Amino acid sequence: MAKQFFTVLVLPDATSHPKKFHISKTVLTVFAVGSVLSLVMLFFFLYQYIGQNVQLLELRKLRREVVDRTALSEKLKQVQSDLARVRDLDRQVRGAVGLDKTPAEPVPALAQGGDDTVSRTALVTALRKRTGQYTEWVNRDLTALGQEVTSREKSLREVKTYLDERAAVLSSLPTILPVRGLITAGFGNRTSPFTGKREFHEGLDIAAPYGTPIVATADGVVTFAGPLVAYGNVVFIDHGRGFATFYGHNSSNRVREGQRVHRGDIIAYIGTSGRTTGPHVHYEVHVKGVITNPLKYAIDTSGVTFANDVQPDNAS
């Protein structure tokens, strides 16, 4: 009959007697099987623990992505709202300046939609793969927003060009008078202070103390500055777009030919040069070579008064 146990000898040291232990085969088998099962269970729990940690990390990542994408969606809504206000402002500005309220190109409608039932698995899959309906919606909205921005930029550039052109025209208009003082002679027929006869006066005579500064009434380039027979020292300015102005009887000129001036710049000083009865400036406005009443273009006439025999709307 085969032995049912194993004998184990243990020698504590070289001089000691060996100690014998008898271990049953059944006990040894149970111990071996238990050890193997313990190792298997240990590896199984380790695998499960690692797997759960990986899933937790993925879940946290997905949650962060959901939060980020929700924030992106809210940001897109905010941008759409802002662009809607810009669109309304664009229409108002175009209407105010007289342009067609409709931009040159039609504006594509921004993507819209309603509620949609999406399963949790589909959402997770879409988030993991960064594809799916959510990403398609975002991309579609971004494309529409880009087209909207391009359209509004083009429209606003058109408005800016229009305003620049109008500003250039306005800068050429002689909208102020060259000096503050008393208008002693208006544009049109008058009695000559020298001959006593009726004559046509081609400008305004504005009297002011000797040496009072004379200013340019619009932006332009000085085309003549110097003496001119009965007008004494004069300045002639070309403002472009057919407008020009003339200033005579100056005591001295402060500008030279070819110099660019702006509205309000001092160009000369009140004097009595030429044929005069006292210090004043003779002021003319020429439109495409035709002398015109300066009061037709003077928007600001503050500080100017009219002599009793001068009508403000004379020869308008």
C-alpha atoms as a PDB file:
ATOM      1  CA  MET A   1       0.000   0.000   0.000  1.00  0.00           C
ATOM      2  CA  ALA A   2       1.424   3.341  -0.997  1.00  0.00           C
ATOM      3  CA  LYS A   3       2.276   5.841   1.663  1.00  0.00           C
ATOM      4  CA  GLN A   4      -0.366   8.489   2.250  1.00  0.00           C
ATOM      5  CA  PHE A   5       2.022  11.061   3.610  1.00  0.00           C
ATOM      6  CA  PHE A   6       5.358  12.766   3.014  1.00  0.00           C
ATOM      7  CA  THR A   7       8.170  13.071   5.537  1.00  0.00           C
ATOM      8  CA  VAL A   8       9.962  16.371   5.832  1.00  0.00           C
ATOM      9  CA  LEU A   9      13.336  16.551   7.675  1.00  0.00           C
ATOM     10  CA  VAL A  10      14.357  19.862   9.167  1.00  0.00           C
ATOM     11  CA  LEU A  11      17.998  20.382  10.295  1.00  0.00           C
ATOM     12  CA  PRO A  12      18.279  23.509  12.509  1.00  0.00           C
ATOM     13  CA  ASP A  13      22.085  23.278  12.345  1.00  0.00           C
ATOM     14  CA  ALA A  14      24.862  20.741  11.672  1.00  0.00           C
ATOM     15  CA  THR A  15      25.105  19.429  15.272  1.00  0.00           C
ATOM     16  CA  SER A  16      21.396  19.119  16.021  1.00  0.00           C
ATOM     17  CA  HIS A  17      19.269  16.074  15.509  1.00  0.00           C
ATOM     18  CA  PRO A  18      16.935  16.325  12.497  1.00  0.00           C
ATOM     19  CA  LYS A  19      13.268  16.925  13.124  1.00  0.00           C
ATOM     20  CA  LYS A  20      10.746  14.937  11.207  1.00  0.00           C
ATOM     21  CA  PHE A  21       7.366  16.169  10.031  1.00  0.00           C
ATOM     22  CA  HIS A  22       4.795  14.002   8.371  1.00  0.00           C
ATOM     23  CA  ILE A  23       2.497  15.786   5.918  1.00  0.00           C
ATOM     24  CA  SER A  24      -0.495  14.066   4.496  1.00  0.00           C
ATOM     25  CA  LYS A  25      -0.840  14.005   0.697  1.00  0.00           C
ATOM     26  CA  THR A  26      -4.401  15.227   1.078  1.00  0.00           C
ATOM     27  CA  VAL A  27      -3.282  18.224   3.129  1.00  0.00           C
ATOM     28  CA  LEU A  28      -0.499  18.995   0.682  1.00  0.00           C
ATOM     29  CA  THR A  29      -2.922  18.763  -2.260  1.00  0.00           C
ATOM     30  CA  VAL A  30      -5.436  21.039  -0.562  1.00  0.00           C
ATOM     31  CA  PHE A  31      -2.657  23.544   0.253  1.00  0.00           C
ATOM     32  CA  ALA A  32      -1.384  23.529  -3.327  1.00  0.00           C
ATOM     33  CA  VAL A  33      -4.852  23.933  -4.784  1.00  0.00           C
ATOM     34  CA  GLY A  34      -5.606  26.734  -2.282  1.00  0.00           C
ATOM     35  CA  SER A  35      -2.406  28.527  -3.205  1.00  0.00           C
ATOM     36  CA  VAL A  36      -3.179  28.324  -6.889  1.00  0.00           C
ATOM     37  CA  LEU A  37      -6.718  29.562  -6.337  1.00  0.00           C
ATOM     38  CA  SER A  38      -5.431  32.400  -4.189  1.00  0.00           C
ATOM     39  CA  LEU A  39      -3.044  33.490  -6.918  1.00  0.00           C
ATOM     40  CA  VAL A  40      -5.792  33.267  -9.536  1.00  0.00           C
ATOM     41  CA  MET A  41      -8.155  35.338  -7.360  1.00  0.00           C
ATOM     42  CA  LEU A  42      -5.374  37.831  -6.651  1.00  0.00           C
ATOM     43  CA  PHE A  43      -4.693  38.318 -10.365  1.00  0.00           C
ATOM     44  CA  PHE A  44      -8.412  38.499 -11.072  1.00  0.00           C
ATOM     45  CA  PHE A  45      -8.966  41.229  -8.481  1.00  0.00           C
ATOM     46  CA  LEU A  46      -5.912  43.104  -9.712  1.00  0.00           C
ATOM     47  CA  TYR A  47      -7.261  42.964 -13.255  1.00  0.00           C
ATOM     48  CA  GLN A  48     -10.673  44.142 -12.112  1.00  0.00           C
ATOM     49  CA  TYR A  49      -9.123  46.957 -10.037  1.00  0.00           C
ATOM     50  CA  ILE A  50      -6.996  48.167 -12.934  1.00  0.00           C
ATOM     51  CA  GLY A  51      -9.926  47.904 -15.328  1.00  0.00           C
ATOM     52  CA  GLN A  52     -12.182  49.891 -12.996  1.00  0.00           C
ATOM     53  CA  ASN A  53      -9.540  52.581 -12.587  1.00  0.00           C
ATOM     54  CA  VAL A  54      -9.178  52.845 -16.369  1.00  0.00           C
ATOM     55  CA  GLN A  55     -12.950  53.120 -16.713  1.00  0.00           C
ATOM     56  CA  LEU A  56     -13.072  55.776 -13.994  1.00  0.00           C
ATOM     57  CA  LEU A  57     -10.386  57.774 -15.781  1.00  0.00           C
ATOM     58  CA  GLU A  58     -12.247  57.462 -19.069  1.00  0.00           C
ATOM     59  CA  LEU A  59     -15.487  58.475 -17.358  1.00  0.00           C
ATOM     60  CA  ARG A  60     -13.840  61.551 -15.837  1.00  0.00           C
ATOM     61  CA  LYS A  61     -12.370  62.432 -19.221  1.00  0.00           C
ATOM     62  CA  LEU A  62     -15.753  62.020 -20.878  1.00  0.00           C
ATOM     63  CA  ARG A  63     -17.363  64.179 -18.221  1.00  0.00           C
ATOM     64  CA  ARG A  64     -14.770  66.892 -18.825  1.00  0.00           C
ATOM     65  CA  GLU A  65     -15.376  66.646 -22.572  1.00  0.00           C
ATOM     66  CA  VAL A  66     -19.124  66.893 -22.036  1.00  0.00           C
ATOM     67  CA  VAL A  67     -18.611  69.986 -19.882  1.00  0.00           C
ATOM     68  CA  ASP A  68     -16.204  71.482 -22.445  1.00  0.00           C
ATOM     69  CA  ARG A  69     -18.558  70.802 -25.328  1.00  0.00           C
ATOM     70  CA  THR A  70     -21.506  72.155 -23.393  1.00  0.00           C
ATOM     71  CA  ALA A  71     -19.487  75.318 -22.772  1.00  0.00           C
ATOM     72  CA  LEU A  72     -18.613  75.426 -26.490  1.00  0.00           C
ATOM     73  CA  SER A  73     -22.277  75.102 -27.379  1.00  0.00           C
ATOM     74  CA  GLU A  74     -23.167  77.965 -25.026  1.00  0.00           C
ATOM     75  CA  LYS A  75     -20.346  80.037 -26.516  1.00  0.00           C
ATOM     76  CA  LEU A  76     -21.684  79.394 -30.011  1.00  0.00           C
ATOM     77  CA  LYS A  77     -25.116  80.541 -28.911  1.00  0.00           C
ATOM     78  CA  GLN A  78     -23.577  83.715 -27.448  1.00  0.00           C
ATOM     79  CA  VAL A  79     -21.651  84.395 -30.666  1.00  0.00           C
ATOM     80  CA  GLN A  80     -24.827  83.887 -32.683  1.00  0.00           C
ATOM     81  CA  SER A  81     -26.625  86.378 -30.435  1.00  0.00           C
ATOM     82  CA  ASP A  82     -23.789  88.900 -30.790  1.00  0.00           C
ATOM     83  CA  LEU A  83     -23.792  88.522 -34.567  1.00  0.00           C
ATOM     84  CA  ALA A  84     -27.543  89.057 -34.627  1.00  0.00           C
ATOM     85  CA  ARG A  85     -27.011  92.426 -32.931  1.00  0.00           C
ATOM     86  CA  VAL A  86     -24.213  93.267 -35.372  1.00  0.00           C
ATOM     87  CA  ARG A  87     -26.528  92.328 -38.256  1.00  0.00           C
ATOM     88  CA  ASP A  88     -29.238  94.684 -36.969  1.00  0.00           C
ATOM     89  CA  LEU A  89     -26.705  97.468 -36.414  1.00  0.00           C
ATOM     90  CA  ASP A  90     -25.353  96.918 -39.931  1.00  0.00           C
ATOM     91  CA  ARG A  91     -28.844  97.357 -41.386  1.00  0.00           C
ATOM     92  CA  GLN A  92     -29.424 100.514 -39.329  1.00  0.00           C
ATOM     93  CA  VAL A  93     -26.091 102.047 -40.369  1.00  0.00           C
ATOM     94  CA  ARG A  94     -26.647 101.226 -44.034  1.00  0.00           C
ATOM     95  CA  GLY A  95     -30.105 102.785 -43.840  1.00  0.00           C
ATOM     96  CA  ALA A  96     -28.782 105.887 -42.078  1.00  0.00           C
ATOM     97  CA  VAL A  97     -26.179 106.580 -44.768  1.00  0.00           C
ATOM     98  CA  GLY A  98     -28.554 105.825 -47.631  1.00  0.00           C
ATOM     99  CA  LEU A  99     -27.179 102.454 -48.727  1.00  0.00           C
ATOM    100  CA  ASP A 100     -29.274  99.424 -49.577  1.00  0.00           C
ATOM    101  CA  LYS A 101     -30.074  97.653 -46.307  1.00  0.00           C
ATOM    102  CA  THR A 102     -29.475  94.255 -47.915  1.00  0.00           C
ATOM    103  CA  PRO A 103     -25.792  93.163 -48.084  1.00  0.00           C
ATOM    104  CA  ALA A 104     -24.326  92.338 -51.480  1.00  0.00           C
ATOM    105  CA  GLU A 105     -24.488  88.603 -50.791  1.00  0.00           C
ATOM    106  CA  PRO A 106     -27.261  86.684 -48.990  1.00  0.00           C
ATOM    107  CA  VAL A 107     -26.402  85.606 -45.472  1.00  0.00           C
ATOM    108  CA  PRO A 108     -26.772  81.870 -44.866  1.00  0.00           C
ATOM    109  CA  ALA A 109     -29.126  80.976 -42.026  1.00  0.00           C
ATOM    110  CA  LEU A 110     -27.424  79.714 -38.887  1.00  0.00           C
ATOM    111  CA  ALA A 111     -28.004  76.050 -38.086  1.00  0.00           C
ATOM    112  CA  GLN A 112     -30.932  75.416 -35.758  1.00  0.00           C
ATOM    113  CA  GLY A 113     -32.684  72.374 -34.365  1.00  0.00           C
ATOM    114  CA  GLY A 114     -34.868  70.927 -31.644  1.00  0.00           C
ATOM    115  CA  ASP A 115     -34.644  68.203 -29.030  1.00  0.00           C
ATOM    116  CA  ASP A 116     -33.278  64.869 -30.132  1.00  0.00           C
ATOM    117  CA  THR A 117     -33.234  61.647 -28.102  1.00  0.00           C
ATOM    118  CA  VAL A 118     -29.749  60.153 -28.173  1.00  0.00           C
ATOM    119  CA  SER A 119     -28.876  57.002 -26.267  1.00  0.00           C
ATOM    120  CA  ARG A 120     -26.120  57.126 -23.675  1.00  0.00           C
ATOM    121  CA  THR A 121     -24.085  54.618 -25.705  1.00  0.00           C
ATOM    122  CA  ALA A 122     -24.320  56.737 -28.850  1.00  0.00           C
ATOM    123  CA  LEU A 123     -23.302  59.854 -26.936  1.00  0.00           C
ATOM    124  CA  VAL A 124     -20.314  58.147 -25.332  1.00  0.00           C
ATOM    125  CA  THR A 125     -19.286  56.713 -28.688  1.00  0.00           C
ATOM    126  CA  ALA A 126     -19.555  60.113 -30.328  1.00  0.00           C
ATOM    127  CA  LEU A 127     -17.497  61.711 -27.580  1.00  0.00           C
ATOM    128  CA  ARG A 128     -14.841  59.001 -27.720  1.00  0.00           C
ATOM    129  CA  LYS A 129     -14.489  59.068 -31.487  1.00  0.00           C
ATOM    130  CA  ARG A 130     -14.987  62.863 -31.668  1.00  0.00           C
ATOM    131  CA  THR A 131     -17.527  62.278 -34.415  1.00  0.00           C
ATOM    132  CA  GLY A 132     -21.271  61.971 -34.632  1.00  0.00           C
ATOM    133  CA  GLN A 133     -24.181  64.393 -34.703  1.00  0.00           C
ATOM    134  CA  TYR A 134     -22.852  66.695 -31.956  1.00  0.00           C
ATOM    135  CA  THR A 135     -19.590  67.380 -33.784  1.00  0.00           C
ATOM    136  CA  GLU A 136     -21.461  67.747 -37.076  1.00  0.00           C
ATOM    137  CA  TRP A 137     -23.761  70.341 -35.496  1.00  0.00           C
ATOM    138  CA  VAL A 138     -20.826  72.290 -34.095  1.00  0.00           C
ATOM    139  CA  ASN A 139     -18.951  72.217 -37.405  1.00  0.00           C
ATOM    140  CA  ARG A 140     -22.070  73.305 -39.266  1.00  0.00           C
ATOM    141  CA  ASP A 141     -22.617  76.196 -36.845  1.00  0.00           C
ATOM    142  CA  LEU A 142     -18.984  77.254 -37.100  1.00  0.00           C
ATOM    143  CA  THR A 143     -19.195  77.256 -40.897  1.00  0.00           C
ATOM    144  CA  ALA A 144     -22.360  79.354 -40.813  1.00  0.00           C
ATOM    145  CA  LEU A 145     -20.795  81.773 -38.330  1.00  0.00           C
ATOM    146  CA  GLY A 146     -17.735  82.136 -40.537  1.00  0.00           C
ATOM    147  CA  GLN A 147     -19.925  82.971 -43.536  1.00  0.00           C
ATOM    148  CA  GLU A 148     -21.881  85.460 -41.443  1.00  0.00           C
ATOM    149  CA  VAL A 149     -18.697  87.201 -40.262  1.00  0.00           C
ATOM    150  CA  THR A 150     -17.397  87.398 -43.843  1.00  0.00           C
ATOM    151  CA  SER A 151     -20.673  88.885 -45.073  1.00  0.00           C
ATOM    152  CA  ARG A 152     -20.844  91.476 -42.264  1.00  0.00           C
ATOM    153  CA  GLU A 153     -17.189  92.421 -42.779  1.00  0.00           C
ATOM    154  CA  LYS A 154     -17.833  93.026 -46.475  1.00  0.00           C
ATOM    155  CA  SER A 155     -20.921  95.091 -45.692  1.00  0.00           C
ATOM    156  CA  LEU A 156     -19.138  97.215 -43.085  1.00  0.00           C
ATOM    157  CA  ARG A 157     -16.212  97.787 -45.450  1.00  0.00           C
ATOM    158  CA  GLU A 158     -18.713  99.049 -48.023  1.00  0.00           C
ATOM    159  CA  VAL A 159     -20.170 101.409 -45.409  1.00  0.00           C
ATOM    160  CA  LYS A 160     -16.668 102.604 -44.454  1.00  0.00           C
ATOM    161  CA  THR A 161     -15.802 103.291 -48.101  1.00  0.00           C
ATOM    162  CA  TYR A 162     -19.025 105.234 -48.513  1.00  0.00           C
ATOM    163  CA  LEU A 163     -18.378 107.266 -45.339  1.00  0.00           C
ATOM    164  CA  ASP A 164     -14.778 107.944 -46.376  1.00  0.00           C
ATOM    165  CA  GLU A 165     -16.006 109.274 -49.705  1.00  0.00           C
ATOM    166  CA  ARG A 166     -18.623 111.451 -47.994  1.00  0.00           C
ATOM    167  CA  ALA A 167     -16.021 112.685 -45.494  1.00  0.00           C
ATOM    168  CA  ALA A 168     -13.703 113.613 -48.381  1.00  0.00           C
ATOM    169  CA  VAL A 169     -16.540 115.543 -50.037  1.00  0.00           C
ATOM    170  CA  LEU A 170     -17.410 117.270 -46.757  1.00  0.00           C
ATOM    171  CA  SER A 171     -13.786 118.272 -46.204  1.00  0.00           C
ATOM    172  CA  SER A 172     -13.885 120.036 -49.589  1.00  0.00           C
ATOM    173  CA  LEU A 173     -16.964 122.101 -48.728  1.00  0.00           C
ATOM    174  CA  PRO A 174     -16.313 125.633 -47.343  1.00  0.00           C
ATOM    175  CA  THR A 175     -18.680 125.160 -44.397  1.00  0.00           C
ATOM    176  CA  ILE A 176     -17.329 127.993 -42.213  1.00  0.00           C
ATOM    177  CA  LEU A 177     -16.504 131.657 -42.763  1.00  0.00           C
ATOM    178  CA  PRO A 178     -12.861 132.822 -42.746  1.00  0.00           C
ATOM    179  CA  VAL A 179     -13.217 135.302 -39.878  1.00  0.00           C
ATOM    180  CA  ARG A 180     -15.701 136.458 -37.256  1.00  0.00           C
ATOM    181  CA  GLY A 181     -16.819 140.012 -37.730  1.00  0.00           C
ATOM    182  CA  LEU A 182     -19.288 142.298 -39.494  1.00  0.00           C
ATOM    183  CA  ILE A 183     -20.358 141.496 -43.042  1.00  0.00           C
ATOM    184  CA  THR A 184     -20.343 144.934 -44.622  1.00  0.00           C
ATOM    185  CA  ALA A 185     -21.041 143.814 -48.171  1.00  0.00           C
ATOM    186  CA  GLY A 186     -22.852 140.705 -49.336  1.00  0.00           C
ATOM    187  CA  PHE A 187     -22.808 138.682 -52.524  1.00  0.00           C
ATOM    188  CA  GLY A 188     -24.710 140.345 -55.372  1.00  0.00           C
ATOM    189  CA  ASN A 189     -25.613 143.817 -56.531  1.00  0.00           C
ATOM    190  CA  ARG A 190     -24.508 146.750 -54.361  1.00  0.00           C
ATOM    191  CA  THR A 191     -23.595 150.439 -54.547  1.00  0.00           C
ATOM    192  CA  SER A 192     -19.834 150.848 -55.004  1.00  0.00           C
ATOM    193  CA  PRO A 193     -18.175 152.665 -52.069  1.00  0.00           C
ATOM    194  CA  PHE A 194     -15.716 154.170 -54.558  1.00  0.00           C
ATOM    195  CA  THR A 195     -17.844 155.187 -57.543  1.00  0.00           C
ATOM    196  CA  GLY A 196     -21.345 155.297 -56.062  1.00  0.00           C
ATOM    197  CA  LYS A 197     -22.617 153.242 -58.981  1.00  0.00           C
ATOM    198  CA  ARG A 198     -24.405 149.869 -58.927  1.00  0.00           C
ATOM    199  CA  GLU A 199     -22.062 146.935 -59.380  1.00  0.00           C
ATOM    200  CA  PHE A 200     -22.018 143.193 -58.850  1.00  0.00           C
ATOM    201  CA  HIS A 201     -20.033 142.187 -55.741  1.00  0.00           C
ATOM    202  CA  GLU A 202     -18.563 138.698 -56.197  1.00  0.00           C
ATOM    203  CA  GLY A 203     -18.055 137.758 -52.567  1.00  0.00           C
ATOM    204  CA  LEU A 204     -18.449 138.762 -48.931  1.00  0.00           C
ATOM    205  CA  ASP A 205     -16.620 141.625 -47.235  1.00  0.00           C
ATOM    206  CA  ILE A 206     -16.132 140.752 -43.567  1.00  0.00           C
ATOM    207  CA  ALA A 207     -14.710 143.586 -41.427  1.00  0.00           C
ATOM    208  CA  ALA A 208     -12.596 142.780 -38.346  1.00  0.00           C
ATOM    209  CA  PRO A 209      -9.748 144.472 -36.413  1.00  0.00           C
ATOM    210  CA  TYR A 210      -6.453 144.809 -38.258  1.00  0.00           C
ATOM    211  CA  GLY A 211      -4.302 141.668 -37.797  1.00  0.00           C
ATOM    212  CA  THR A 212      -7.221 139.327 -36.989  1.00  0.00           C
ATOM    213  CA  PRO A 213      -6.360 135.778 -38.184  1.00  0.00           C
ATOM    214  CA  ILE A 214      -8.029 134.531 -41.373  1.00  0.00           C
ATOM    215  CA  VAL A 215      -8.633 130.767 -41.538  1.00  0.00           C
ATOM    216  CA  ALA A 216      -9.129 128.310 -44.396  1.00  0.00           C
ATOM    217  CA  THR A 217     -12.785 127.385 -44.756  1.00  0.00           C
ATOM    218  CA  ALA A 218     -12.083 123.844 -46.037  1.00  0.00           C
ATOM    219  CA  ASP A 219      -9.222 121.419 -46.638  1.00  0.00           C
ATOM    220  CA  GLY A 220      -7.178 122.059 -49.758  1.00  0.00           C
ATOM    221  CA  VAL A 221      -3.947 123.146 -51.424  1.00  0.00           C
ATOM    222  CA  VAL A 222      -2.784 126.758 -51.787  1.00  0.00           C
ATOM    223  CA  THR A 223      -2.485 127.500 -55.513  1.00  0.00           C
ATOM    224  CA  PHE A 224      -1.638 131.203 -55.225  1.00  0.00           C
ATOM    225  CA  ALA A 225      -0.376 133.450 -52.415  1.00  0.00           C
ATOM    226  CA  GLY A 226       0.820 136.967 -53.146  1.00  0.00           C
ATOM    227  CA  PRO A 227      -0.187 140.418 -54.454  1.00  0.00           C
ATOM    228  CA  LEU A 228      -3.034 140.721 -56.970  1.00  0.00           C
ATOM    229  CA  VAL A 229      -3.723 144.307 -58.161  1.00  0.00           C
ATOM    230  CA  ALA A 230      -6.697 145.920 -56.373  1.00  0.00           C
ATOM    231  CA  TYR A 231      -7.152 142.929 -54.043  1.00  0.00           C
ATOM    232  CA  GLY A 232      -3.718 143.460 -52.440  1.00  0.00           C
ATOM    233  CA  ASN A 233      -2.271 140.376 -50.766  1.00  0.00           C
ATOM    234  CA  VAL A 234      -4.441 137.368 -51.585  1.00  0.00           C
ATOM    235  CA  VAL A 235      -4.616 133.606 -51.000  1.00  0.00           C
ATOM    236  CA  PHE A 236      -6.319 131.213 -53.402  1.00  0.00           C
ATOM    237  CA  ILE A 237      -7.034 127.619 -52.253  1.00  0.00           C
ATOM    238  CA  ASP A 238      -8.125 124.659 -54.400  1.00  0.00           C
ATOM    239  CA  HIS A 239     -10.271 122.305 -52.277  1.00  0.00           C
ATOM    240  CA  GLY A 240     -10.860 119.668 -54.937  1.00  0.00           C
ATOM    241  CA  ARG A 241     -14.159 118.383 -56.337  1.00  0.00           C
ATOM    242  CA  GLY A 242     -14.629 121.712 -58.097  1.00  0.00           C
ATOM    243  CA  PHE A 243     -14.459 123.920 -54.980  1.00  0.00           C
ATOM    244  CA  ALA A 244     -12.020 126.822 -54.491  1.00  0.00           C
ATOM    245  CA  THR A 245     -11.892 129.883 -52.188  1.00  0.00           C
ATOM    246  CA  PHE A 246     -10.323 133.331 -52.443  1.00  0.00           C
ATOM    247  CA  TYR A 247      -9.198 135.664 -49.611  1.00  0.00           C
ATOM    248  CA  GLY A 248      -8.177 139.277 -50.408  1.00  0.00           C
ATOM    249  CA  HIS A 249      -6.849 142.521 -48.818  1.00  0.00           C
ATOM    250  CA  ASN A 250      -4.673 140.600 -46.334  1.00  0.00           C
ATOM    251  CA  SER A 251      -2.052 142.455 -44.320  1.00  0.00           C
ATOM    252  CA  SER A 252       0.207 139.423 -44.746  1.00  0.00           C
ATOM    253  CA  ASN A 253      -0.052 135.811 -45.854  1.00  0.00           C
ATOM    254  CA  ARG A 254       1.013 132.933 -43.670  1.00  0.00           C
ATOM    255  CA  VAL A 255       0.973 130.192 -46.342  1.00  0.00           C
ATOM    256  CA  ARG A 256       2.844 129.591 -49.568  1.00  0.00           C
ATOM    257  CA  GLU A 257       1.929 128.045 -52.907  1.00  0.00           C
ATOM    258  CA  GLY A 258       1.727 124.246 -52.871  1.00  0.00           C
ATOM    259  CA  GLN A 259       1.085 124.089 -49.131  1.00  0.00           C
ATOM    260  CA  ARG A 260      -1.719 121.793 -47.928  1.00  0.00           C
ATOM    261  CA  VAL A 261      -4.066 123.319 -45.376  1.00  0.00           C
ATOM    262  CA  HIS A 262      -6.994 122.083 -43.317  1.00  0.00           C
ATOM    263  CA  ARG A 263     -10.249 123.732 -42.339  1.00  0.00           C
ATOM    264  CA  GLY A 264      -9.535 126.181 -39.522  1.00  0.00           C
ATOM    265  CA  ASP A 265      -5.802 126.653 -40.262  1.00  0.00           C
ATOM    266  CA  ILE A 266      -4.601 130.270 -40.171  1.00  0.00           C
ATOM    267  CA  ILE A 267      -3.645 131.313 -43.701  1.00  0.00           C
ATOM    268  CA  ALA A 268      -3.399 135.140 -43.465  1.00  0.00           C
ATOM    269  CA  TYR A 269      -4.281 138.212 -41.383  1.00  0.00           C
ATOM    270  CA  ILE A 270      -6.877 140.963 -41.828  1.00  0.00           C
ATOM    271  CA  GLY A 271      -5.451 144.053 -43.505  1.00  0.00           C
ATOM    272  CA  THR A 272      -6.058 146.976 -45.867  1.00  0.00           C
ATOM    273  CA  SER A 273      -3.835 146.016 -48.796  1.00  0.00           C
ATOM    274  CA  GLY A 274      -5.179 146.894 -52.238  1.00  0.00           C
ATOM    275  CA  ARG A 275      -8.194 149.139 -52.702  1.00  0.00           C
ATOM    276  CA  THR A 276     -10.163 149.245 -49.411  1.00  0.00           C
ATOM    277  CA  THR A 277     -11.951 151.638 -47.083  1.00  0.00           C
ATOM    278  CA  GLY A 278     -10.850 149.773 -43.950  1.00  0.00           C
ATOM    279  CA  PRO A 279      -9.539 146.445 -42.580  1.00  0.00           C
ATOM    280  CA  HIS A 280     -11.556 143.473 -43.853  1.00  0.00           C
ATOM    281  CA  VAL A 281     -11.265 140.272 -45.897  1.00  0.00           C
ATOM    282  CA  HIS A 282     -12.866 139.877 -49.302  1.00  0.00           C
ATOM    283  CA  TYR A 283     -14.006 136.231 -49.412  1.00  0.00           C
ATOM    284  CA  GLU A 284     -15.159 134.332 -52.512  1.00  0.00           C
ATOM    285  CA  VAL A 285     -16.306 130.759 -53.186  1.00  0.00           C
ATOM    286  CA  HIS A 286     -15.826 129.261 -56.669  1.00  0.00           C
ATOM    287  CA  VAL A 287     -17.703 126.120 -57.744  1.00  0.00           C
ATOM    288  CA  LYS A 288     -16.397 124.596 -60.968  1.00  0.00           C
ATOM    289  CA  GLY A 289     -15.077 127.981 -61.978  1.00  0.00           C
ATOM    290  CA  VAL A 290     -18.297 129.871 -61.236  1.00  0.00           C
ATOM    291  CA  ILE A 291     -18.318 132.401 -58.364  1.00  0.00           C
ATOM    292  CA  THR A 292     -21.109 131.523 -55.901  1.00  0.00           C
ATOM    293  CA  ASN A 293     -22.613 133.050 -52.788  1.00  0.00           C
ATOM    294  CA  PRO A 294     -20.438 131.791 -49.875  1.00  0.00           C
ATOM    295  CA  LEU A 295     -23.457 131.761 -47.543  1.00  0.00           C
ATOM    296  CA  LYS A 296     -24.907 128.847 -49.546  1.00  0.00           C
ATOM    297  CA  TYR A 297     -22.201 126.594 -48.077  1.00  0.00           C
ATOM    298  CA  ALA A 298     -21.464 128.237 -44.713  1.00  0.00           C
ATOM    299  CA  ILE A 299     -23.018 125.989 -42.068  1.00  0.00           C
ATOM    300  CA  ASP A 300     -21.306 127.724 -39.143  1.00  0.00           C
ATOM    301  CA  THR A 301     -21.881 131.501 -39.168  1.00  0.00           C
ATOM    302  CA  SER A 302     -21.436 131.981 -35.424  1.00  0.00           C
ATOM    303  CA  GLY A 303     -19.732 135.231 -34.467  1.00  0.00           C
ATOM    304  CA  VAL A 304     -20.755 136.917 -37.717  1.00  0.00           C
ATOM    305  CA  THR A 305     -23.227 139.809 -37.919  1.00  0.00           C
ATOM    306  CA  PHE A 306     -24.660 141.688 -40.872  1.00  0.00           C
ATOM    307  CA  ALA A 307     -24.605 145.396 -41.523  1.00  0.00           C
ATOM    308  CA  ASN A 308     -28.010 147.086 -41.744  1.00  0.00           C
ATOM    309  CA  ASP A 309     -27.953 147.282 -45.541  1.00  0.00           C
ATOM    310  CA  VAL A 310     -26.819 143.664 -46.044  1.00  0.00           C
ATOM    311  CA  GLN A 311     -29.358 140.863 -46.381  1.00  0.00           C
ATOM    312  CA  PRO A 312     -28.185 137.425 -45.038  1.00  0.00           C
ATOM    313  CA  ASP A 313     -29.920 135.594 -47.880  1.00  0.00           C
ATOM    314  CA  ASN A 314     -28.849 138.045 -50.570  1.00  0.00           C
ATOM    315  CA  ALA A 315     -28.401 136.396 -53.986  1.00  0.00           C
ATOM    316  CA  SER A 316     -28.724 132.897 -52.555  1.00  0.00           C
END
